[in-house]
N, C-alpha and C. Protein backbone atom coordinates (compact mmCIF):
# COMPACT_ATOMS: atom_id res chain seq x y z
N UNK A 1 26.73 145.22 16.03
CA UNK A 1 27.66 146.25 15.73
C UNK A 1 27.51 147.31 16.88
N UNK A 2 28.44 148.18 16.97
CA UNK A 2 28.32 149.31 17.92
C UNK A 2 27.87 150.54 17.09
N UNK A 3 27.23 151.42 17.73
CA UNK A 3 26.65 152.61 17.14
C UNK A 3 27.53 153.85 17.45
N UNK A 4 27.73 154.70 16.43
CA UNK A 4 28.22 156.05 16.79
C UNK A 4 27.23 156.80 17.53
N UNK A 5 25.92 156.70 17.29
CA UNK A 5 24.94 157.54 17.90
C UNK A 5 23.57 156.82 17.87
N UNK A 6 22.85 157.08 19.08
CA UNK A 6 21.59 156.56 19.06
C UNK A 6 20.64 157.85 19.09
N UNK A 7 19.65 157.82 18.15
CA UNK A 7 18.78 159.01 18.02
C UNK A 7 17.38 158.65 18.48
N UNK A 8 16.93 159.27 19.49
CA UNK A 8 15.50 158.99 20.05
C UNK A 8 14.55 160.05 19.50
N UNK A 9 13.47 159.68 18.98
CA UNK A 9 12.36 160.56 18.78
C UNK A 9 11.93 160.87 20.21
N UNK A 10 11.03 161.82 20.30
CA UNK A 10 10.56 162.31 21.62
C UNK A 10 9.13 161.77 21.95
N UNK A 11 8.12 162.33 21.28
CA UNK A 11 6.62 162.07 21.43
C UNK A 11 6.47 160.51 21.18
N UNK A 12 5.99 159.71 22.16
CA UNK A 12 5.71 158.39 21.92
C UNK A 12 6.91 157.47 22.19
N UNK A 13 8.13 158.06 22.33
CA UNK A 13 9.34 157.17 22.57
C UNK A 13 9.89 157.53 23.94
N UNK A 14 10.19 158.84 24.25
CA UNK A 14 10.58 159.27 25.50
C UNK A 14 9.51 159.64 26.43
N UNK A 15 8.36 160.26 25.89
CA UNK A 15 7.29 160.71 26.71
C UNK A 15 6.05 160.14 26.03
N UNK A 16 4.96 159.94 26.82
CA UNK A 16 3.75 159.28 26.44
C UNK A 16 2.80 160.47 26.11
N UNK A 17 3.04 161.24 24.95
CA UNK A 17 2.24 162.33 24.69
C UNK A 17 1.37 162.27 23.51
N UNK A 18 1.38 161.23 22.72
CA UNK A 18 0.68 161.22 21.48
C UNK A 18 -0.73 161.29 21.57
N UNK A 19 -1.37 160.55 22.60
CA UNK A 19 -2.90 160.62 22.76
C UNK A 19 -3.25 161.99 23.21
N UNK A 20 -2.44 162.75 24.09
CA UNK A 20 -2.74 164.09 24.47
C UNK A 20 -2.75 165.00 23.17
N UNK A 21 -1.76 164.97 22.38
CA UNK A 21 -1.53 165.76 21.22
C UNK A 21 -2.68 165.57 20.16
N UNK A 22 -2.97 164.22 19.86
CA UNK A 22 -3.98 164.01 18.82
C UNK A 22 -5.33 164.14 19.27
N UNK A 23 -5.73 164.15 20.51
CA UNK A 23 -6.98 164.45 21.04
C UNK A 23 -7.23 165.88 20.90
N UNK A 24 -6.15 166.72 21.23
CA UNK A 24 -6.33 168.12 21.09
C UNK A 24 -6.49 168.64 19.65
N UNK A 25 -5.57 168.07 18.70
CA UNK A 25 -5.69 168.35 17.42
C UNK A 25 -7.01 168.01 16.78
N UNK A 26 -7.57 166.81 17.07
CA UNK A 26 -8.86 166.53 16.44
C UNK A 26 -10.02 167.44 16.88
N UNK A 27 -9.98 167.89 18.21
CA UNK A 27 -10.96 168.77 18.59
C UNK A 27 -10.92 170.14 17.96
N UNK A 28 -9.77 170.71 17.80
CA UNK A 28 -9.48 171.96 17.19
C UNK A 28 -9.78 171.92 15.79
N UNK A 29 -9.37 170.87 14.91
CA UNK A 29 -9.63 170.75 13.60
C UNK A 29 -11.16 170.79 13.40
N UNK A 30 -11.82 170.03 14.24
CA UNK A 30 -13.26 169.90 14.13
C UNK A 30 -13.94 171.26 14.29
N UNK A 31 -13.42 172.05 15.22
CA UNK A 31 -13.89 173.43 15.57
C UNK A 31 -13.78 174.28 14.32
N UNK A 32 -12.80 174.12 13.50
CA UNK A 32 -12.57 175.07 12.33
C UNK A 32 -12.94 174.53 11.10
N UNK A 33 -13.85 173.55 11.12
CA UNK A 33 -14.50 173.15 9.89
C UNK A 33 -13.90 171.91 9.15
N UNK A 34 -13.08 171.12 9.86
CA UNK A 34 -12.57 169.81 9.36
C UNK A 34 -12.93 168.72 10.37
N UNK A 35 -13.99 168.23 10.34
CA UNK A 35 -14.33 167.13 11.40
C UNK A 35 -13.34 166.03 11.34
N UNK A 36 -12.85 165.80 12.40
CA UNK A 36 -11.73 164.89 12.66
C UNK A 36 -11.83 164.11 13.99
N UNK A 37 -11.67 162.83 13.97
CA UNK A 37 -11.55 162.01 15.12
C UNK A 37 -10.08 161.92 15.56
N UNK A 38 -9.93 161.56 16.84
CA UNK A 38 -8.56 161.39 17.42
C UNK A 38 -7.68 160.43 16.63
N UNK A 39 -8.38 159.22 16.34
CA UNK A 39 -7.65 158.22 15.65
C UNK A 39 -7.31 158.68 14.13
N UNK A 40 -8.13 159.47 13.51
CA UNK A 40 -7.85 160.06 12.21
C UNK A 40 -6.65 160.91 12.38
N UNK A 41 -6.63 161.81 13.24
CA UNK A 41 -5.45 162.74 13.51
C UNK A 41 -4.23 162.04 13.74
N UNK A 42 -4.23 160.83 14.41
CA UNK A 42 -3.09 160.14 14.82
C UNK A 42 -2.62 159.41 13.44
N UNK A 43 -3.56 158.93 12.79
CA UNK A 43 -3.16 158.23 11.46
C UNK A 43 -2.49 159.19 10.40
N UNK A 44 -2.99 160.45 10.44
CA UNK A 44 -2.45 161.42 9.39
C UNK A 44 -1.21 162.13 9.87
N UNK A 45 -1.17 162.52 11.25
CA UNK A 45 -0.16 163.41 11.67
C UNK A 45 0.80 162.93 12.58
N UNK A 46 0.80 161.60 13.11
CA UNK A 46 1.68 161.16 13.95
C UNK A 46 3.15 161.22 13.47
N UNK A 47 3.93 161.90 14.44
CA UNK A 47 5.23 162.09 14.00
C UNK A 47 5.62 163.22 13.10
N UNK A 48 4.66 163.97 12.67
CA UNK A 48 4.83 165.11 11.77
C UNK A 48 4.68 166.52 12.45
N UNK A 49 5.14 167.53 11.81
CA UNK A 49 5.26 168.88 12.37
C UNK A 49 3.98 169.53 12.09
N UNK A 50 3.98 170.74 12.95
CA UNK A 50 2.73 171.68 12.69
C UNK A 50 2.67 172.19 11.32
N UNK A 51 3.79 172.41 10.56
CA UNK A 51 3.85 172.67 9.21
C UNK A 51 2.95 171.84 8.38
N UNK A 52 3.20 170.59 8.64
CA UNK A 52 2.50 169.42 7.86
C UNK A 52 0.97 169.56 8.14
N UNK A 53 0.50 170.02 9.40
CA UNK A 53 -0.87 170.11 9.67
C UNK A 53 -1.42 171.30 8.83
N UNK A 54 -0.75 172.38 8.84
CA UNK A 54 -1.30 173.53 8.15
C UNK A 54 -1.29 173.33 6.63
N UNK A 55 -0.35 172.59 6.03
CA UNK A 55 -0.26 172.28 4.72
C UNK A 55 -1.38 171.36 4.23
N UNK A 56 -1.65 170.27 5.12
CA UNK A 56 -2.77 169.40 4.79
C UNK A 56 -4.14 170.06 4.79
N UNK A 57 -4.34 170.97 5.93
CA UNK A 57 -5.62 171.71 5.92
C UNK A 57 -5.82 172.51 4.62
N UNK A 58 -4.80 173.29 4.27
CA UNK A 58 -4.87 174.12 3.03
C UNK A 58 -5.23 173.13 1.86
N UNK A 59 -4.61 172.09 1.75
CA UNK A 59 -4.91 171.22 0.56
C UNK A 59 -6.29 170.62 0.53
N UNK A 60 -6.68 170.24 1.70
CA UNK A 60 -8.02 169.70 1.79
C UNK A 60 -9.31 170.47 1.76
N UNK A 61 -9.10 171.80 2.23
CA UNK A 61 -10.12 172.60 2.53
C UNK A 61 -9.99 173.90 1.54
N UNK A 62 -8.85 174.00 0.83
CA UNK A 62 -8.64 175.17 -0.03
C UNK A 62 -8.53 176.52 0.62
N UNK A 63 -8.23 176.46 1.99
CA UNK A 63 -7.97 177.73 2.68
C UNK A 63 -7.13 177.40 3.67
N UNK A 64 -6.49 178.54 4.18
CA UNK A 64 -5.44 178.30 5.28
C UNK A 64 -6.10 178.09 6.76
N UNK A 65 -5.41 177.57 7.55
CA UNK A 65 -5.85 177.52 8.99
C UNK A 65 -6.12 178.89 9.41
N UNK A 66 -7.12 179.17 10.35
CA UNK A 66 -7.22 180.44 10.89
C UNK A 66 -6.03 180.84 11.60
N UNK A 67 -5.76 182.09 11.78
CA UNK A 67 -4.53 182.73 12.25
C UNK A 67 -4.23 182.24 13.73
N UNK A 68 -5.46 182.02 14.42
CA UNK A 68 -5.19 181.68 15.84
C UNK A 68 -5.12 180.19 16.12
N UNK A 69 -5.15 179.42 15.06
CA UNK A 69 -5.26 177.95 15.27
C UNK A 69 -3.99 177.39 15.93
N UNK A 70 -2.83 177.49 15.29
CA UNK A 70 -1.65 177.11 15.85
C UNK A 70 -1.23 177.56 17.24
N UNK A 71 -1.45 178.86 17.48
CA UNK A 71 -1.16 179.28 18.92
C UNK A 71 -2.14 178.59 19.89
N UNK A 72 -3.47 178.44 19.57
CA UNK A 72 -4.45 177.65 20.38
C UNK A 72 -4.10 176.32 20.49
N UNK A 73 -3.60 175.55 19.50
CA UNK A 73 -3.20 174.21 19.62
C UNK A 73 -1.97 174.10 20.42
N UNK A 74 -1.02 174.94 20.19
CA UNK A 74 0.17 174.83 21.08
C UNK A 74 -0.16 174.96 22.64
N UNK A 75 -0.92 176.00 22.84
CA UNK A 75 -1.37 176.20 24.31
C UNK A 75 -2.05 175.16 24.83
N UNK A 76 -2.97 174.54 24.17
CA UNK A 76 -3.92 173.40 24.61
C UNK A 76 -2.98 172.22 24.91
N UNK A 77 -2.12 171.92 23.94
CA UNK A 77 -1.28 170.58 24.13
C UNK A 77 -0.39 170.85 25.40
N UNK A 78 0.24 172.05 25.55
CA UNK A 78 1.19 172.21 26.63
C UNK A 78 0.30 172.20 27.96
N UNK A 79 -0.93 172.65 27.93
CA UNK A 79 -1.75 172.60 29.16
C UNK A 79 -2.06 171.10 29.51
N UNK A 80 -2.37 170.45 28.44
CA UNK A 80 -2.57 168.93 28.63
C UNK A 80 -1.30 168.23 29.24
N UNK A 81 -0.21 168.65 28.68
CA UNK A 81 1.05 168.02 29.07
C UNK A 81 1.35 168.36 30.55
N UNK A 82 1.07 169.60 30.97
CA UNK A 82 1.35 169.91 32.36
C UNK A 82 0.42 169.13 33.24
N UNK A 83 -0.84 168.83 32.97
CA UNK A 83 -1.78 168.00 33.69
C UNK A 83 -1.33 166.50 33.71
N UNK A 84 -1.02 165.96 32.48
CA UNK A 84 -1.06 164.45 32.37
C UNK A 84 0.05 163.77 31.81
N UNK A 85 1.14 164.54 31.45
CA UNK A 85 2.27 163.95 30.74
C UNK A 85 3.08 163.05 31.69
N UNK A 86 3.42 161.90 31.12
CA UNK A 86 4.35 160.98 31.81
C UNK A 86 5.44 160.49 30.94
N UNK A 87 6.61 160.23 31.44
CA UNK A 87 7.67 159.55 30.70
C UNK A 87 7.24 158.06 30.38
N UNK A 88 7.79 157.59 29.23
CA UNK A 88 7.69 156.25 28.79
C UNK A 88 8.19 155.49 29.95
N UNK A 89 7.56 154.25 30.43
CA UNK A 89 8.19 153.40 31.54
C UNK A 89 9.51 152.94 31.19
N UNK A 90 10.51 153.22 32.18
CA UNK A 90 11.93 152.69 32.11
C UNK A 90 12.74 153.41 31.18
N UNK A 91 12.27 154.48 30.56
CA UNK A 91 13.28 155.36 29.70
C UNK A 91 14.35 155.87 30.50
N UNK A 92 14.03 156.26 31.73
CA UNK A 92 15.25 156.98 32.52
C UNK A 92 16.28 155.95 32.73
N UNK A 93 15.91 154.78 33.04
CA UNK A 93 16.91 153.64 33.34
C UNK A 93 17.61 153.31 32.07
N UNK A 94 16.99 153.45 30.97
CA UNK A 94 17.75 153.17 29.66
C UNK A 94 18.76 154.23 29.44
N UNK A 95 18.39 155.44 29.50
CA UNK A 95 19.33 156.66 29.29
C UNK A 95 20.48 156.60 30.35
N UNK A 96 20.18 156.24 31.61
CA UNK A 96 21.17 156.16 32.53
C UNK A 96 22.18 155.03 32.15
N UNK A 97 21.78 153.88 31.66
CA UNK A 97 22.58 152.80 31.33
C UNK A 97 23.37 153.20 30.17
N UNK A 98 22.89 153.85 29.11
CA UNK A 98 23.58 154.32 27.87
C UNK A 98 24.70 155.34 28.40
N UNK A 99 24.35 156.28 29.18
CA UNK A 99 25.36 157.26 29.79
C UNK A 99 26.50 156.50 30.50
N UNK A 100 26.23 155.60 31.28
CA UNK A 100 27.25 154.76 32.11
C UNK A 100 28.16 154.01 31.04
N UNK A 101 27.59 153.53 29.96
CA UNK A 101 28.23 152.76 28.93
C UNK A 101 29.11 153.63 27.97
N UNK A 102 28.83 154.95 28.00
CA UNK A 102 29.64 155.88 27.17
C UNK A 102 28.95 155.90 25.80
N UNK A 103 27.82 155.38 25.53
CA UNK A 103 27.13 155.53 24.35
C UNK A 103 26.47 156.86 24.12
N UNK A 104 26.80 157.38 22.94
CA UNK A 104 26.29 158.76 22.69
C UNK A 104 24.87 158.57 22.14
N UNK A 105 24.12 159.61 22.48
CA UNK A 105 22.65 159.59 22.20
C UNK A 105 22.11 161.08 22.06
N UNK A 106 21.01 161.28 21.37
CA UNK A 106 20.45 162.57 21.19
C UNK A 106 18.94 162.48 21.09
N UNK A 107 18.19 163.58 21.09
CA UNK A 107 16.77 163.44 20.68
C UNK A 107 16.53 164.31 19.43
N UNK A 108 15.71 163.70 18.46
CA UNK A 108 15.51 164.51 17.19
C UNK A 108 13.98 164.35 16.95
N UNK A 109 13.20 165.44 17.14
CA UNK A 109 11.84 165.40 17.32
C UNK A 109 11.16 166.43 16.20
N UNK A 110 9.88 166.11 15.88
CA UNK A 110 9.20 167.09 14.98
C UNK A 110 8.53 168.21 15.80
N UNK A 111 8.50 167.97 17.20
CA UNK A 111 7.93 169.06 17.94
C UNK A 111 8.58 170.37 17.90
N UNK A 112 7.86 171.48 18.14
CA UNK A 112 8.50 172.79 18.24
C UNK A 112 9.32 172.80 19.58
N UNK A 113 10.27 173.54 19.54
CA UNK A 113 11.22 173.58 20.66
C UNK A 113 10.72 173.79 22.04
N UNK A 114 9.77 174.91 22.21
CA UNK A 114 9.11 175.05 23.58
C UNK A 114 8.48 173.78 24.01
N UNK A 115 7.71 173.13 23.17
CA UNK A 115 6.89 171.88 23.53
C UNK A 115 7.91 170.80 23.93
N UNK A 116 9.02 170.72 23.07
CA UNK A 116 10.06 169.62 23.39
C UNK A 116 10.81 169.77 24.69
N UNK A 117 11.12 171.13 24.89
CA UNK A 117 11.70 171.43 26.22
C UNK A 117 10.84 171.09 27.35
N UNK A 118 9.60 171.54 27.18
CA UNK A 118 8.60 171.28 28.36
C UNK A 118 8.56 169.81 28.66
N UNK A 119 8.35 169.07 27.56
CA UNK A 119 8.21 167.62 27.77
C UNK A 119 9.39 166.97 28.41
N UNK A 120 10.62 167.32 27.96
CA UNK A 120 11.75 166.70 28.68
C UNK A 120 11.97 167.20 30.15
N UNK A 121 11.50 168.48 30.37
CA UNK A 121 11.62 169.05 31.68
C UNK A 121 10.55 168.50 32.67
N UNK A 122 9.37 168.31 32.21
CA UNK A 122 8.33 167.75 33.05
C UNK A 122 8.59 166.38 33.43
N UNK A 123 9.17 165.55 32.62
CA UNK A 123 9.44 164.10 32.91
C UNK A 123 10.83 164.02 33.44
N UNK A 124 11.59 164.95 33.75
CA UNK A 124 12.80 164.94 34.39
C UNK A 124 13.90 164.29 33.38
N UNK A 125 13.71 164.28 32.10
CA UNK A 125 14.62 163.72 31.21
C UNK A 125 15.70 164.70 30.53
N UNK A 126 15.42 166.00 30.74
CA UNK A 126 16.26 167.07 30.10
C UNK A 126 17.73 166.94 30.46
N UNK A 127 18.07 166.58 31.74
CA UNK A 127 19.57 166.51 31.96
C UNK A 127 20.26 165.47 31.15
N UNK A 128 19.64 164.52 30.65
CA UNK A 128 20.25 163.33 29.90
C UNK A 128 20.69 163.98 28.63
N UNK A 129 20.12 164.96 28.03
CA UNK A 129 20.28 165.42 26.60
C UNK A 129 21.23 166.61 26.51
N UNK A 130 21.18 167.52 27.41
CA UNK A 130 21.97 168.72 27.48
C UNK A 130 21.84 169.49 26.17
N UNK A 131 22.94 169.60 25.36
CA UNK A 131 22.78 170.30 24.06
C UNK A 131 22.57 169.50 23.01
N UNK A 132 22.25 168.18 23.20
CA UNK A 132 21.99 167.30 22.01
C UNK A 132 20.37 167.06 21.83
N UNK A 133 19.82 168.26 21.55
CA UNK A 133 18.29 168.40 21.23
C UNK A 133 18.19 168.94 19.78
N UNK A 134 17.51 168.16 18.97
CA UNK A 134 17.33 168.67 17.51
C UNK A 134 15.76 168.64 17.33
N UNK A 135 15.37 169.65 16.60
CA UNK A 135 13.94 169.60 16.15
C UNK A 135 13.66 170.09 14.70
N UNK A 136 12.53 169.89 14.27
CA UNK A 136 12.22 170.14 12.81
C UNK A 136 12.55 171.52 12.33
N UNK A 137 12.44 172.58 13.20
CA UNK A 137 12.84 173.90 12.86
C UNK A 137 14.15 174.08 12.31
N UNK A 138 14.94 173.14 12.61
CA UNK A 138 16.43 173.39 12.22
C UNK A 138 16.77 172.89 10.90
N UNK A 139 15.71 172.28 10.11
CA UNK A 139 16.06 171.83 8.76
C UNK A 139 14.87 172.23 7.81
N UNK A 140 15.17 172.12 6.62
CA UNK A 140 14.20 172.60 5.59
C UNK A 140 12.96 171.75 5.50
N UNK A 141 13.11 170.45 5.67
CA UNK A 141 12.00 169.44 5.45
C UNK A 141 11.91 168.55 6.71
N UNK A 142 10.71 168.47 7.28
CA UNK A 142 10.62 167.57 8.39
C UNK A 142 10.19 166.16 8.04
N UNK A 143 10.25 165.26 9.08
CA UNK A 143 9.93 163.85 8.76
C UNK A 143 8.70 163.83 7.85
N UNK A 144 8.59 162.83 6.92
CA UNK A 144 9.46 161.69 6.58
C UNK A 144 10.60 162.01 5.82
N UNK A 145 10.99 163.28 5.43
CA UNK A 145 12.23 163.43 4.92
C UNK A 145 13.39 163.35 5.76
N UNK A 146 14.58 162.86 5.39
CA UNK A 146 15.73 162.48 6.23
C UNK A 146 16.47 163.61 7.00
N UNK A 147 16.03 164.89 6.57
CA UNK A 147 16.91 165.96 6.86
C UNK A 147 17.29 166.14 8.50
N UNK A 148 16.33 165.90 9.35
CA UNK A 148 16.49 166.12 10.67
C UNK A 148 17.48 165.11 11.23
N UNK A 149 17.37 163.81 10.95
CA UNK A 149 18.23 162.81 11.35
C UNK A 149 19.63 163.05 10.75
N UNK A 150 19.71 163.48 9.57
CA UNK A 150 21.16 163.64 8.97
C UNK A 150 21.66 164.92 9.59
N UNK A 151 20.97 165.85 9.90
CA UNK A 151 21.51 167.11 10.70
C UNK A 151 22.07 166.70 11.90
N UNK A 152 21.31 165.88 12.64
CA UNK A 152 21.76 165.42 13.89
C UNK A 152 23.12 164.66 13.85
N UNK A 153 23.13 163.69 12.99
CA UNK A 153 24.25 162.92 12.76
C UNK A 153 25.44 163.88 12.35
N UNK A 154 25.30 164.77 11.45
CA UNK A 154 26.37 165.59 10.98
C UNK A 154 26.87 166.55 12.13
N UNK A 155 26.05 167.00 12.95
CA UNK A 155 26.34 167.90 14.02
C UNK A 155 27.16 167.29 15.06
N UNK A 156 26.89 165.92 15.31
CA UNK A 156 27.46 165.16 16.20
C UNK A 156 28.59 164.25 15.64
N UNK A 157 28.95 164.57 14.41
CA UNK A 157 30.06 163.74 13.76
C UNK A 157 29.85 162.32 13.83
N UNK A 158 28.67 161.80 13.43
CA UNK A 158 28.33 160.50 13.48
C UNK A 158 28.11 159.98 11.97
N UNK A 159 28.52 158.83 11.66
CA UNK A 159 28.38 158.10 10.39
C UNK A 159 26.89 157.85 10.34
N UNK A 160 25.99 158.22 9.43
CA UNK A 160 24.55 157.93 9.26
C UNK A 160 24.47 156.40 9.28
N UNK A 161 25.32 155.61 8.68
CA UNK A 161 25.11 154.07 8.58
C UNK A 161 25.46 153.49 9.89
N UNK A 162 25.95 154.23 10.88
CA UNK A 162 26.19 153.67 12.22
C UNK A 162 25.42 154.37 13.24
N UNK A 163 24.26 154.85 12.82
CA UNK A 163 23.33 155.49 13.78
C UNK A 163 22.05 154.67 13.88
N UNK A 164 21.59 154.56 15.07
CA UNK A 164 20.48 153.87 15.44
C UNK A 164 19.31 154.76 15.72
N UNK A 165 18.10 154.72 15.06
CA UNK A 165 17.01 155.53 15.27
C UNK A 165 15.97 154.76 16.02
N UNK A 166 15.25 155.47 17.10
CA UNK A 166 14.14 154.76 17.77
C UNK A 166 12.94 155.58 17.63
N UNK A 167 12.01 155.06 16.81
CA UNK A 167 10.85 155.84 16.46
C UNK A 167 9.51 155.05 16.63
N UNK A 168 8.43 155.83 16.85
CA UNK A 168 7.13 155.25 16.90
C UNK A 168 6.22 155.50 15.83
N UNK A 169 6.56 156.26 14.94
CA UNK A 169 5.61 156.79 13.87
C UNK A 169 6.14 156.33 12.39
N UNK A 170 5.18 156.14 11.59
CA UNK A 170 5.39 155.97 10.20
C UNK A 170 6.33 156.91 9.65
N UNK A 171 6.05 158.26 9.79
CA UNK A 171 6.84 159.19 9.11
C UNK A 171 8.35 159.16 9.76
N UNK A 172 8.43 158.72 11.00
CA UNK A 172 9.80 158.80 11.64
C UNK A 172 10.57 157.57 11.06
N UNK A 173 9.94 156.32 10.96
CA UNK A 173 10.61 155.25 10.34
C UNK A 173 11.12 155.60 8.92
N UNK A 174 10.13 156.05 8.16
CA UNK A 174 10.52 156.54 6.81
C UNK A 174 11.73 157.38 6.74
N UNK A 175 11.75 158.50 7.63
CA UNK A 175 12.86 159.39 7.67
C UNK A 175 14.12 158.71 7.95
N UNK A 176 14.03 157.73 8.99
CA UNK A 176 15.28 157.18 9.50
C UNK A 176 15.89 156.25 8.26
N UNK A 177 15.02 155.54 7.63
CA UNK A 177 15.47 154.64 6.55
C UNK A 177 16.00 155.47 5.35
N UNK A 178 15.32 156.58 5.03
CA UNK A 178 15.75 157.47 3.98
C UNK A 178 17.16 158.05 4.37
N UNK A 179 17.44 158.22 5.63
CA UNK A 179 18.81 158.65 5.94
C UNK A 179 19.83 157.60 6.05
N UNK A 180 19.47 156.40 5.66
CA UNK A 180 20.40 155.28 5.66
C UNK A 180 20.67 154.80 6.97
N UNK A 181 19.95 155.00 7.95
CA UNK A 181 20.24 154.60 9.30
C UNK A 181 19.36 153.31 9.69
N UNK A 182 19.80 152.62 10.77
CA UNK A 182 19.13 151.46 11.27
C UNK A 182 17.98 152.03 12.16
N UNK A 183 16.75 151.47 11.92
CA UNK A 183 15.74 151.99 12.68
C UNK A 183 14.96 150.91 13.48
N UNK A 184 14.75 151.15 14.74
CA UNK A 184 13.90 150.25 15.59
C UNK A 184 12.55 150.91 15.96
N UNK A 185 11.47 150.20 15.65
CA UNK A 185 10.18 150.77 15.96
C UNK A 185 9.67 150.45 17.28
N UNK A 186 9.28 151.33 18.11
CA UNK A 186 8.88 151.23 19.49
C UNK A 186 7.26 151.36 19.44
N UNK A 187 6.64 150.42 20.13
CA UNK A 187 5.27 150.42 20.11
C UNK A 187 4.64 150.37 21.57
N UNK A 188 5.43 150.97 22.51
CA UNK A 188 5.01 150.97 23.94
C UNK A 188 4.18 152.13 24.40
N UNK A 189 3.92 153.08 23.45
CA UNK A 189 3.18 154.20 23.96
C UNK A 189 1.71 153.89 24.04
N UNK A 190 0.99 154.75 24.85
CA UNK A 190 -0.44 154.44 25.03
C UNK A 190 -1.23 154.51 23.82
N UNK A 191 -0.76 155.32 22.73
CA UNK A 191 -1.56 155.38 21.63
C UNK A 191 -1.57 154.18 20.77
N UNK A 192 -0.65 153.13 21.11
CA UNK A 192 -0.69 151.87 20.26
C UNK A 192 -1.41 150.83 21.13
N UNK A 193 -2.28 151.18 22.11
CA UNK A 193 -2.94 150.12 22.93
C UNK A 193 -3.93 149.26 21.98
N UNK A 194 -4.57 150.01 21.07
CA UNK A 194 -5.61 149.55 20.24
C UNK A 194 -5.32 149.55 18.66
N UNK A 195 -4.06 149.76 18.48
CA UNK A 195 -3.76 149.98 17.02
C UNK A 195 -2.61 149.04 16.67
N UNK A 196 -2.75 148.47 15.50
CA UNK A 196 -1.73 147.46 14.93
C UNK A 196 -0.39 148.27 14.44
N UNK A 197 0.18 148.88 15.51
CA UNK A 197 1.45 149.72 15.25
C UNK A 197 2.57 148.86 14.65
N UNK A 198 2.73 147.68 15.32
CA UNK A 198 3.90 146.96 14.81
C UNK A 198 3.92 146.57 13.31
N UNK A 199 2.70 146.27 12.79
CA UNK A 199 2.55 145.92 11.45
C UNK A 199 2.92 147.16 10.50
N UNK A 200 2.41 148.30 10.99
CA UNK A 200 2.66 149.55 10.19
C UNK A 200 4.14 149.89 10.15
N UNK A 201 4.73 149.85 11.35
CA UNK A 201 6.15 150.25 11.38
C UNK A 201 7.08 149.28 10.64
N UNK A 202 6.74 147.92 10.65
CA UNK A 202 7.31 146.94 9.86
C UNK A 202 7.28 147.13 8.43
N UNK A 203 5.98 147.55 7.98
CA UNK A 203 5.87 147.73 6.59
C UNK A 203 6.66 148.90 6.10
N UNK A 204 6.86 149.94 7.00
CA UNK A 204 7.57 151.12 6.60
C UNK A 204 9.15 150.84 6.60
N UNK A 205 9.57 149.65 7.12
CA UNK A 205 10.90 149.25 6.95
C UNK A 205 11.75 149.24 8.17
N UNK A 206 10.99 149.19 9.35
CA UNK A 206 11.68 149.24 10.60
C UNK A 206 12.52 147.84 10.72
N UNK A 207 13.77 147.92 11.24
CA UNK A 207 14.57 146.87 11.13
C UNK A 207 14.27 145.92 12.40
N UNK A 208 13.74 146.35 13.46
CA UNK A 208 13.35 145.62 14.67
C UNK A 208 12.27 146.29 15.24
N UNK A 209 11.38 145.58 15.92
CA UNK A 209 10.21 146.11 16.75
C UNK A 209 10.37 145.70 18.29
N UNK A 210 10.05 146.58 19.05
CA UNK A 210 9.92 146.24 20.57
C UNK A 210 8.94 147.09 21.20
N UNK A 211 8.35 146.61 22.43
CA UNK A 211 7.18 147.23 23.02
C UNK A 211 7.63 147.87 24.36
N UNK A 212 8.54 147.26 25.01
CA UNK A 212 8.99 147.70 26.28
C UNK A 212 10.43 148.27 26.37
N UNK A 213 10.66 149.30 26.94
CA UNK A 213 11.93 149.90 27.03
C UNK A 213 13.06 149.01 27.72
N UNK A 214 12.46 148.03 28.60
CA UNK A 214 13.34 147.11 29.17
C UNK A 214 14.07 146.11 28.17
N UNK A 215 13.39 146.14 26.94
CA UNK A 215 13.92 145.22 25.94
C UNK A 215 15.06 145.89 25.09
N UNK A 216 15.22 147.22 25.31
CA UNK A 216 16.18 147.93 24.43
C UNK A 216 17.61 147.78 24.85
N UNK A 217 18.47 147.19 23.98
CA UNK A 217 19.77 147.05 24.38
C UNK A 217 20.65 147.17 22.85
N UNK A 218 21.14 148.23 22.65
CA UNK A 218 21.77 148.44 21.37
C UNK A 218 23.04 147.64 21.27
N UNK A 219 23.52 147.26 22.40
CA UNK A 219 24.78 146.52 22.42
C UNK A 219 24.58 145.04 21.98
N UNK A 220 23.29 144.69 22.05
CA UNK A 220 22.97 143.39 21.66
C UNK A 220 22.60 143.06 20.07
N UNK A 221 22.88 144.06 19.33
CA UNK A 221 22.55 143.85 17.89
C UNK A 221 23.48 142.89 17.28
């Protein structure tokens, strides 16, 4: 089939940022009284928003995150990105090919807009997306709720049943399927080097799995 719209997640799909983010989050949660390993942070928060982090902390410890936690987390992640962020291999070539083909695409991410803009800018991917950038602050509920994907589809006049979502997280796959979209799970980020990501995404309902962006061809469905 042909697609009205291809919707890319950002972290772990366009940019290789998940290890940077989860390492930072685990260290800061441990500092404020919730001992957390990087792999635990990844399992619990991969693909989710900072609101989910705050809600989880409140539920588990019965108190809110310290007032300075989220600003510190944001600053630390962005500093790590400035030093170490890279694009997912071959993603620029994929986006170039989609543009040449006339295939519409956008990004829909749980990240806050300053971090999302920085990630796209640092990796040179921002020009591909122009004003087709969506994030969790635009909707009432973040992933795994379908709201963000449905908002992107509605804004760009796309039929959800004819949208293809590219996701690397359990929450993202669940959100795409809840939106009635076709979802492909991507496991090429460095955070999946030692994790059985394919099995997790398949169990969440991913319609197809792939590990290298060179394998991505929506016209071959």
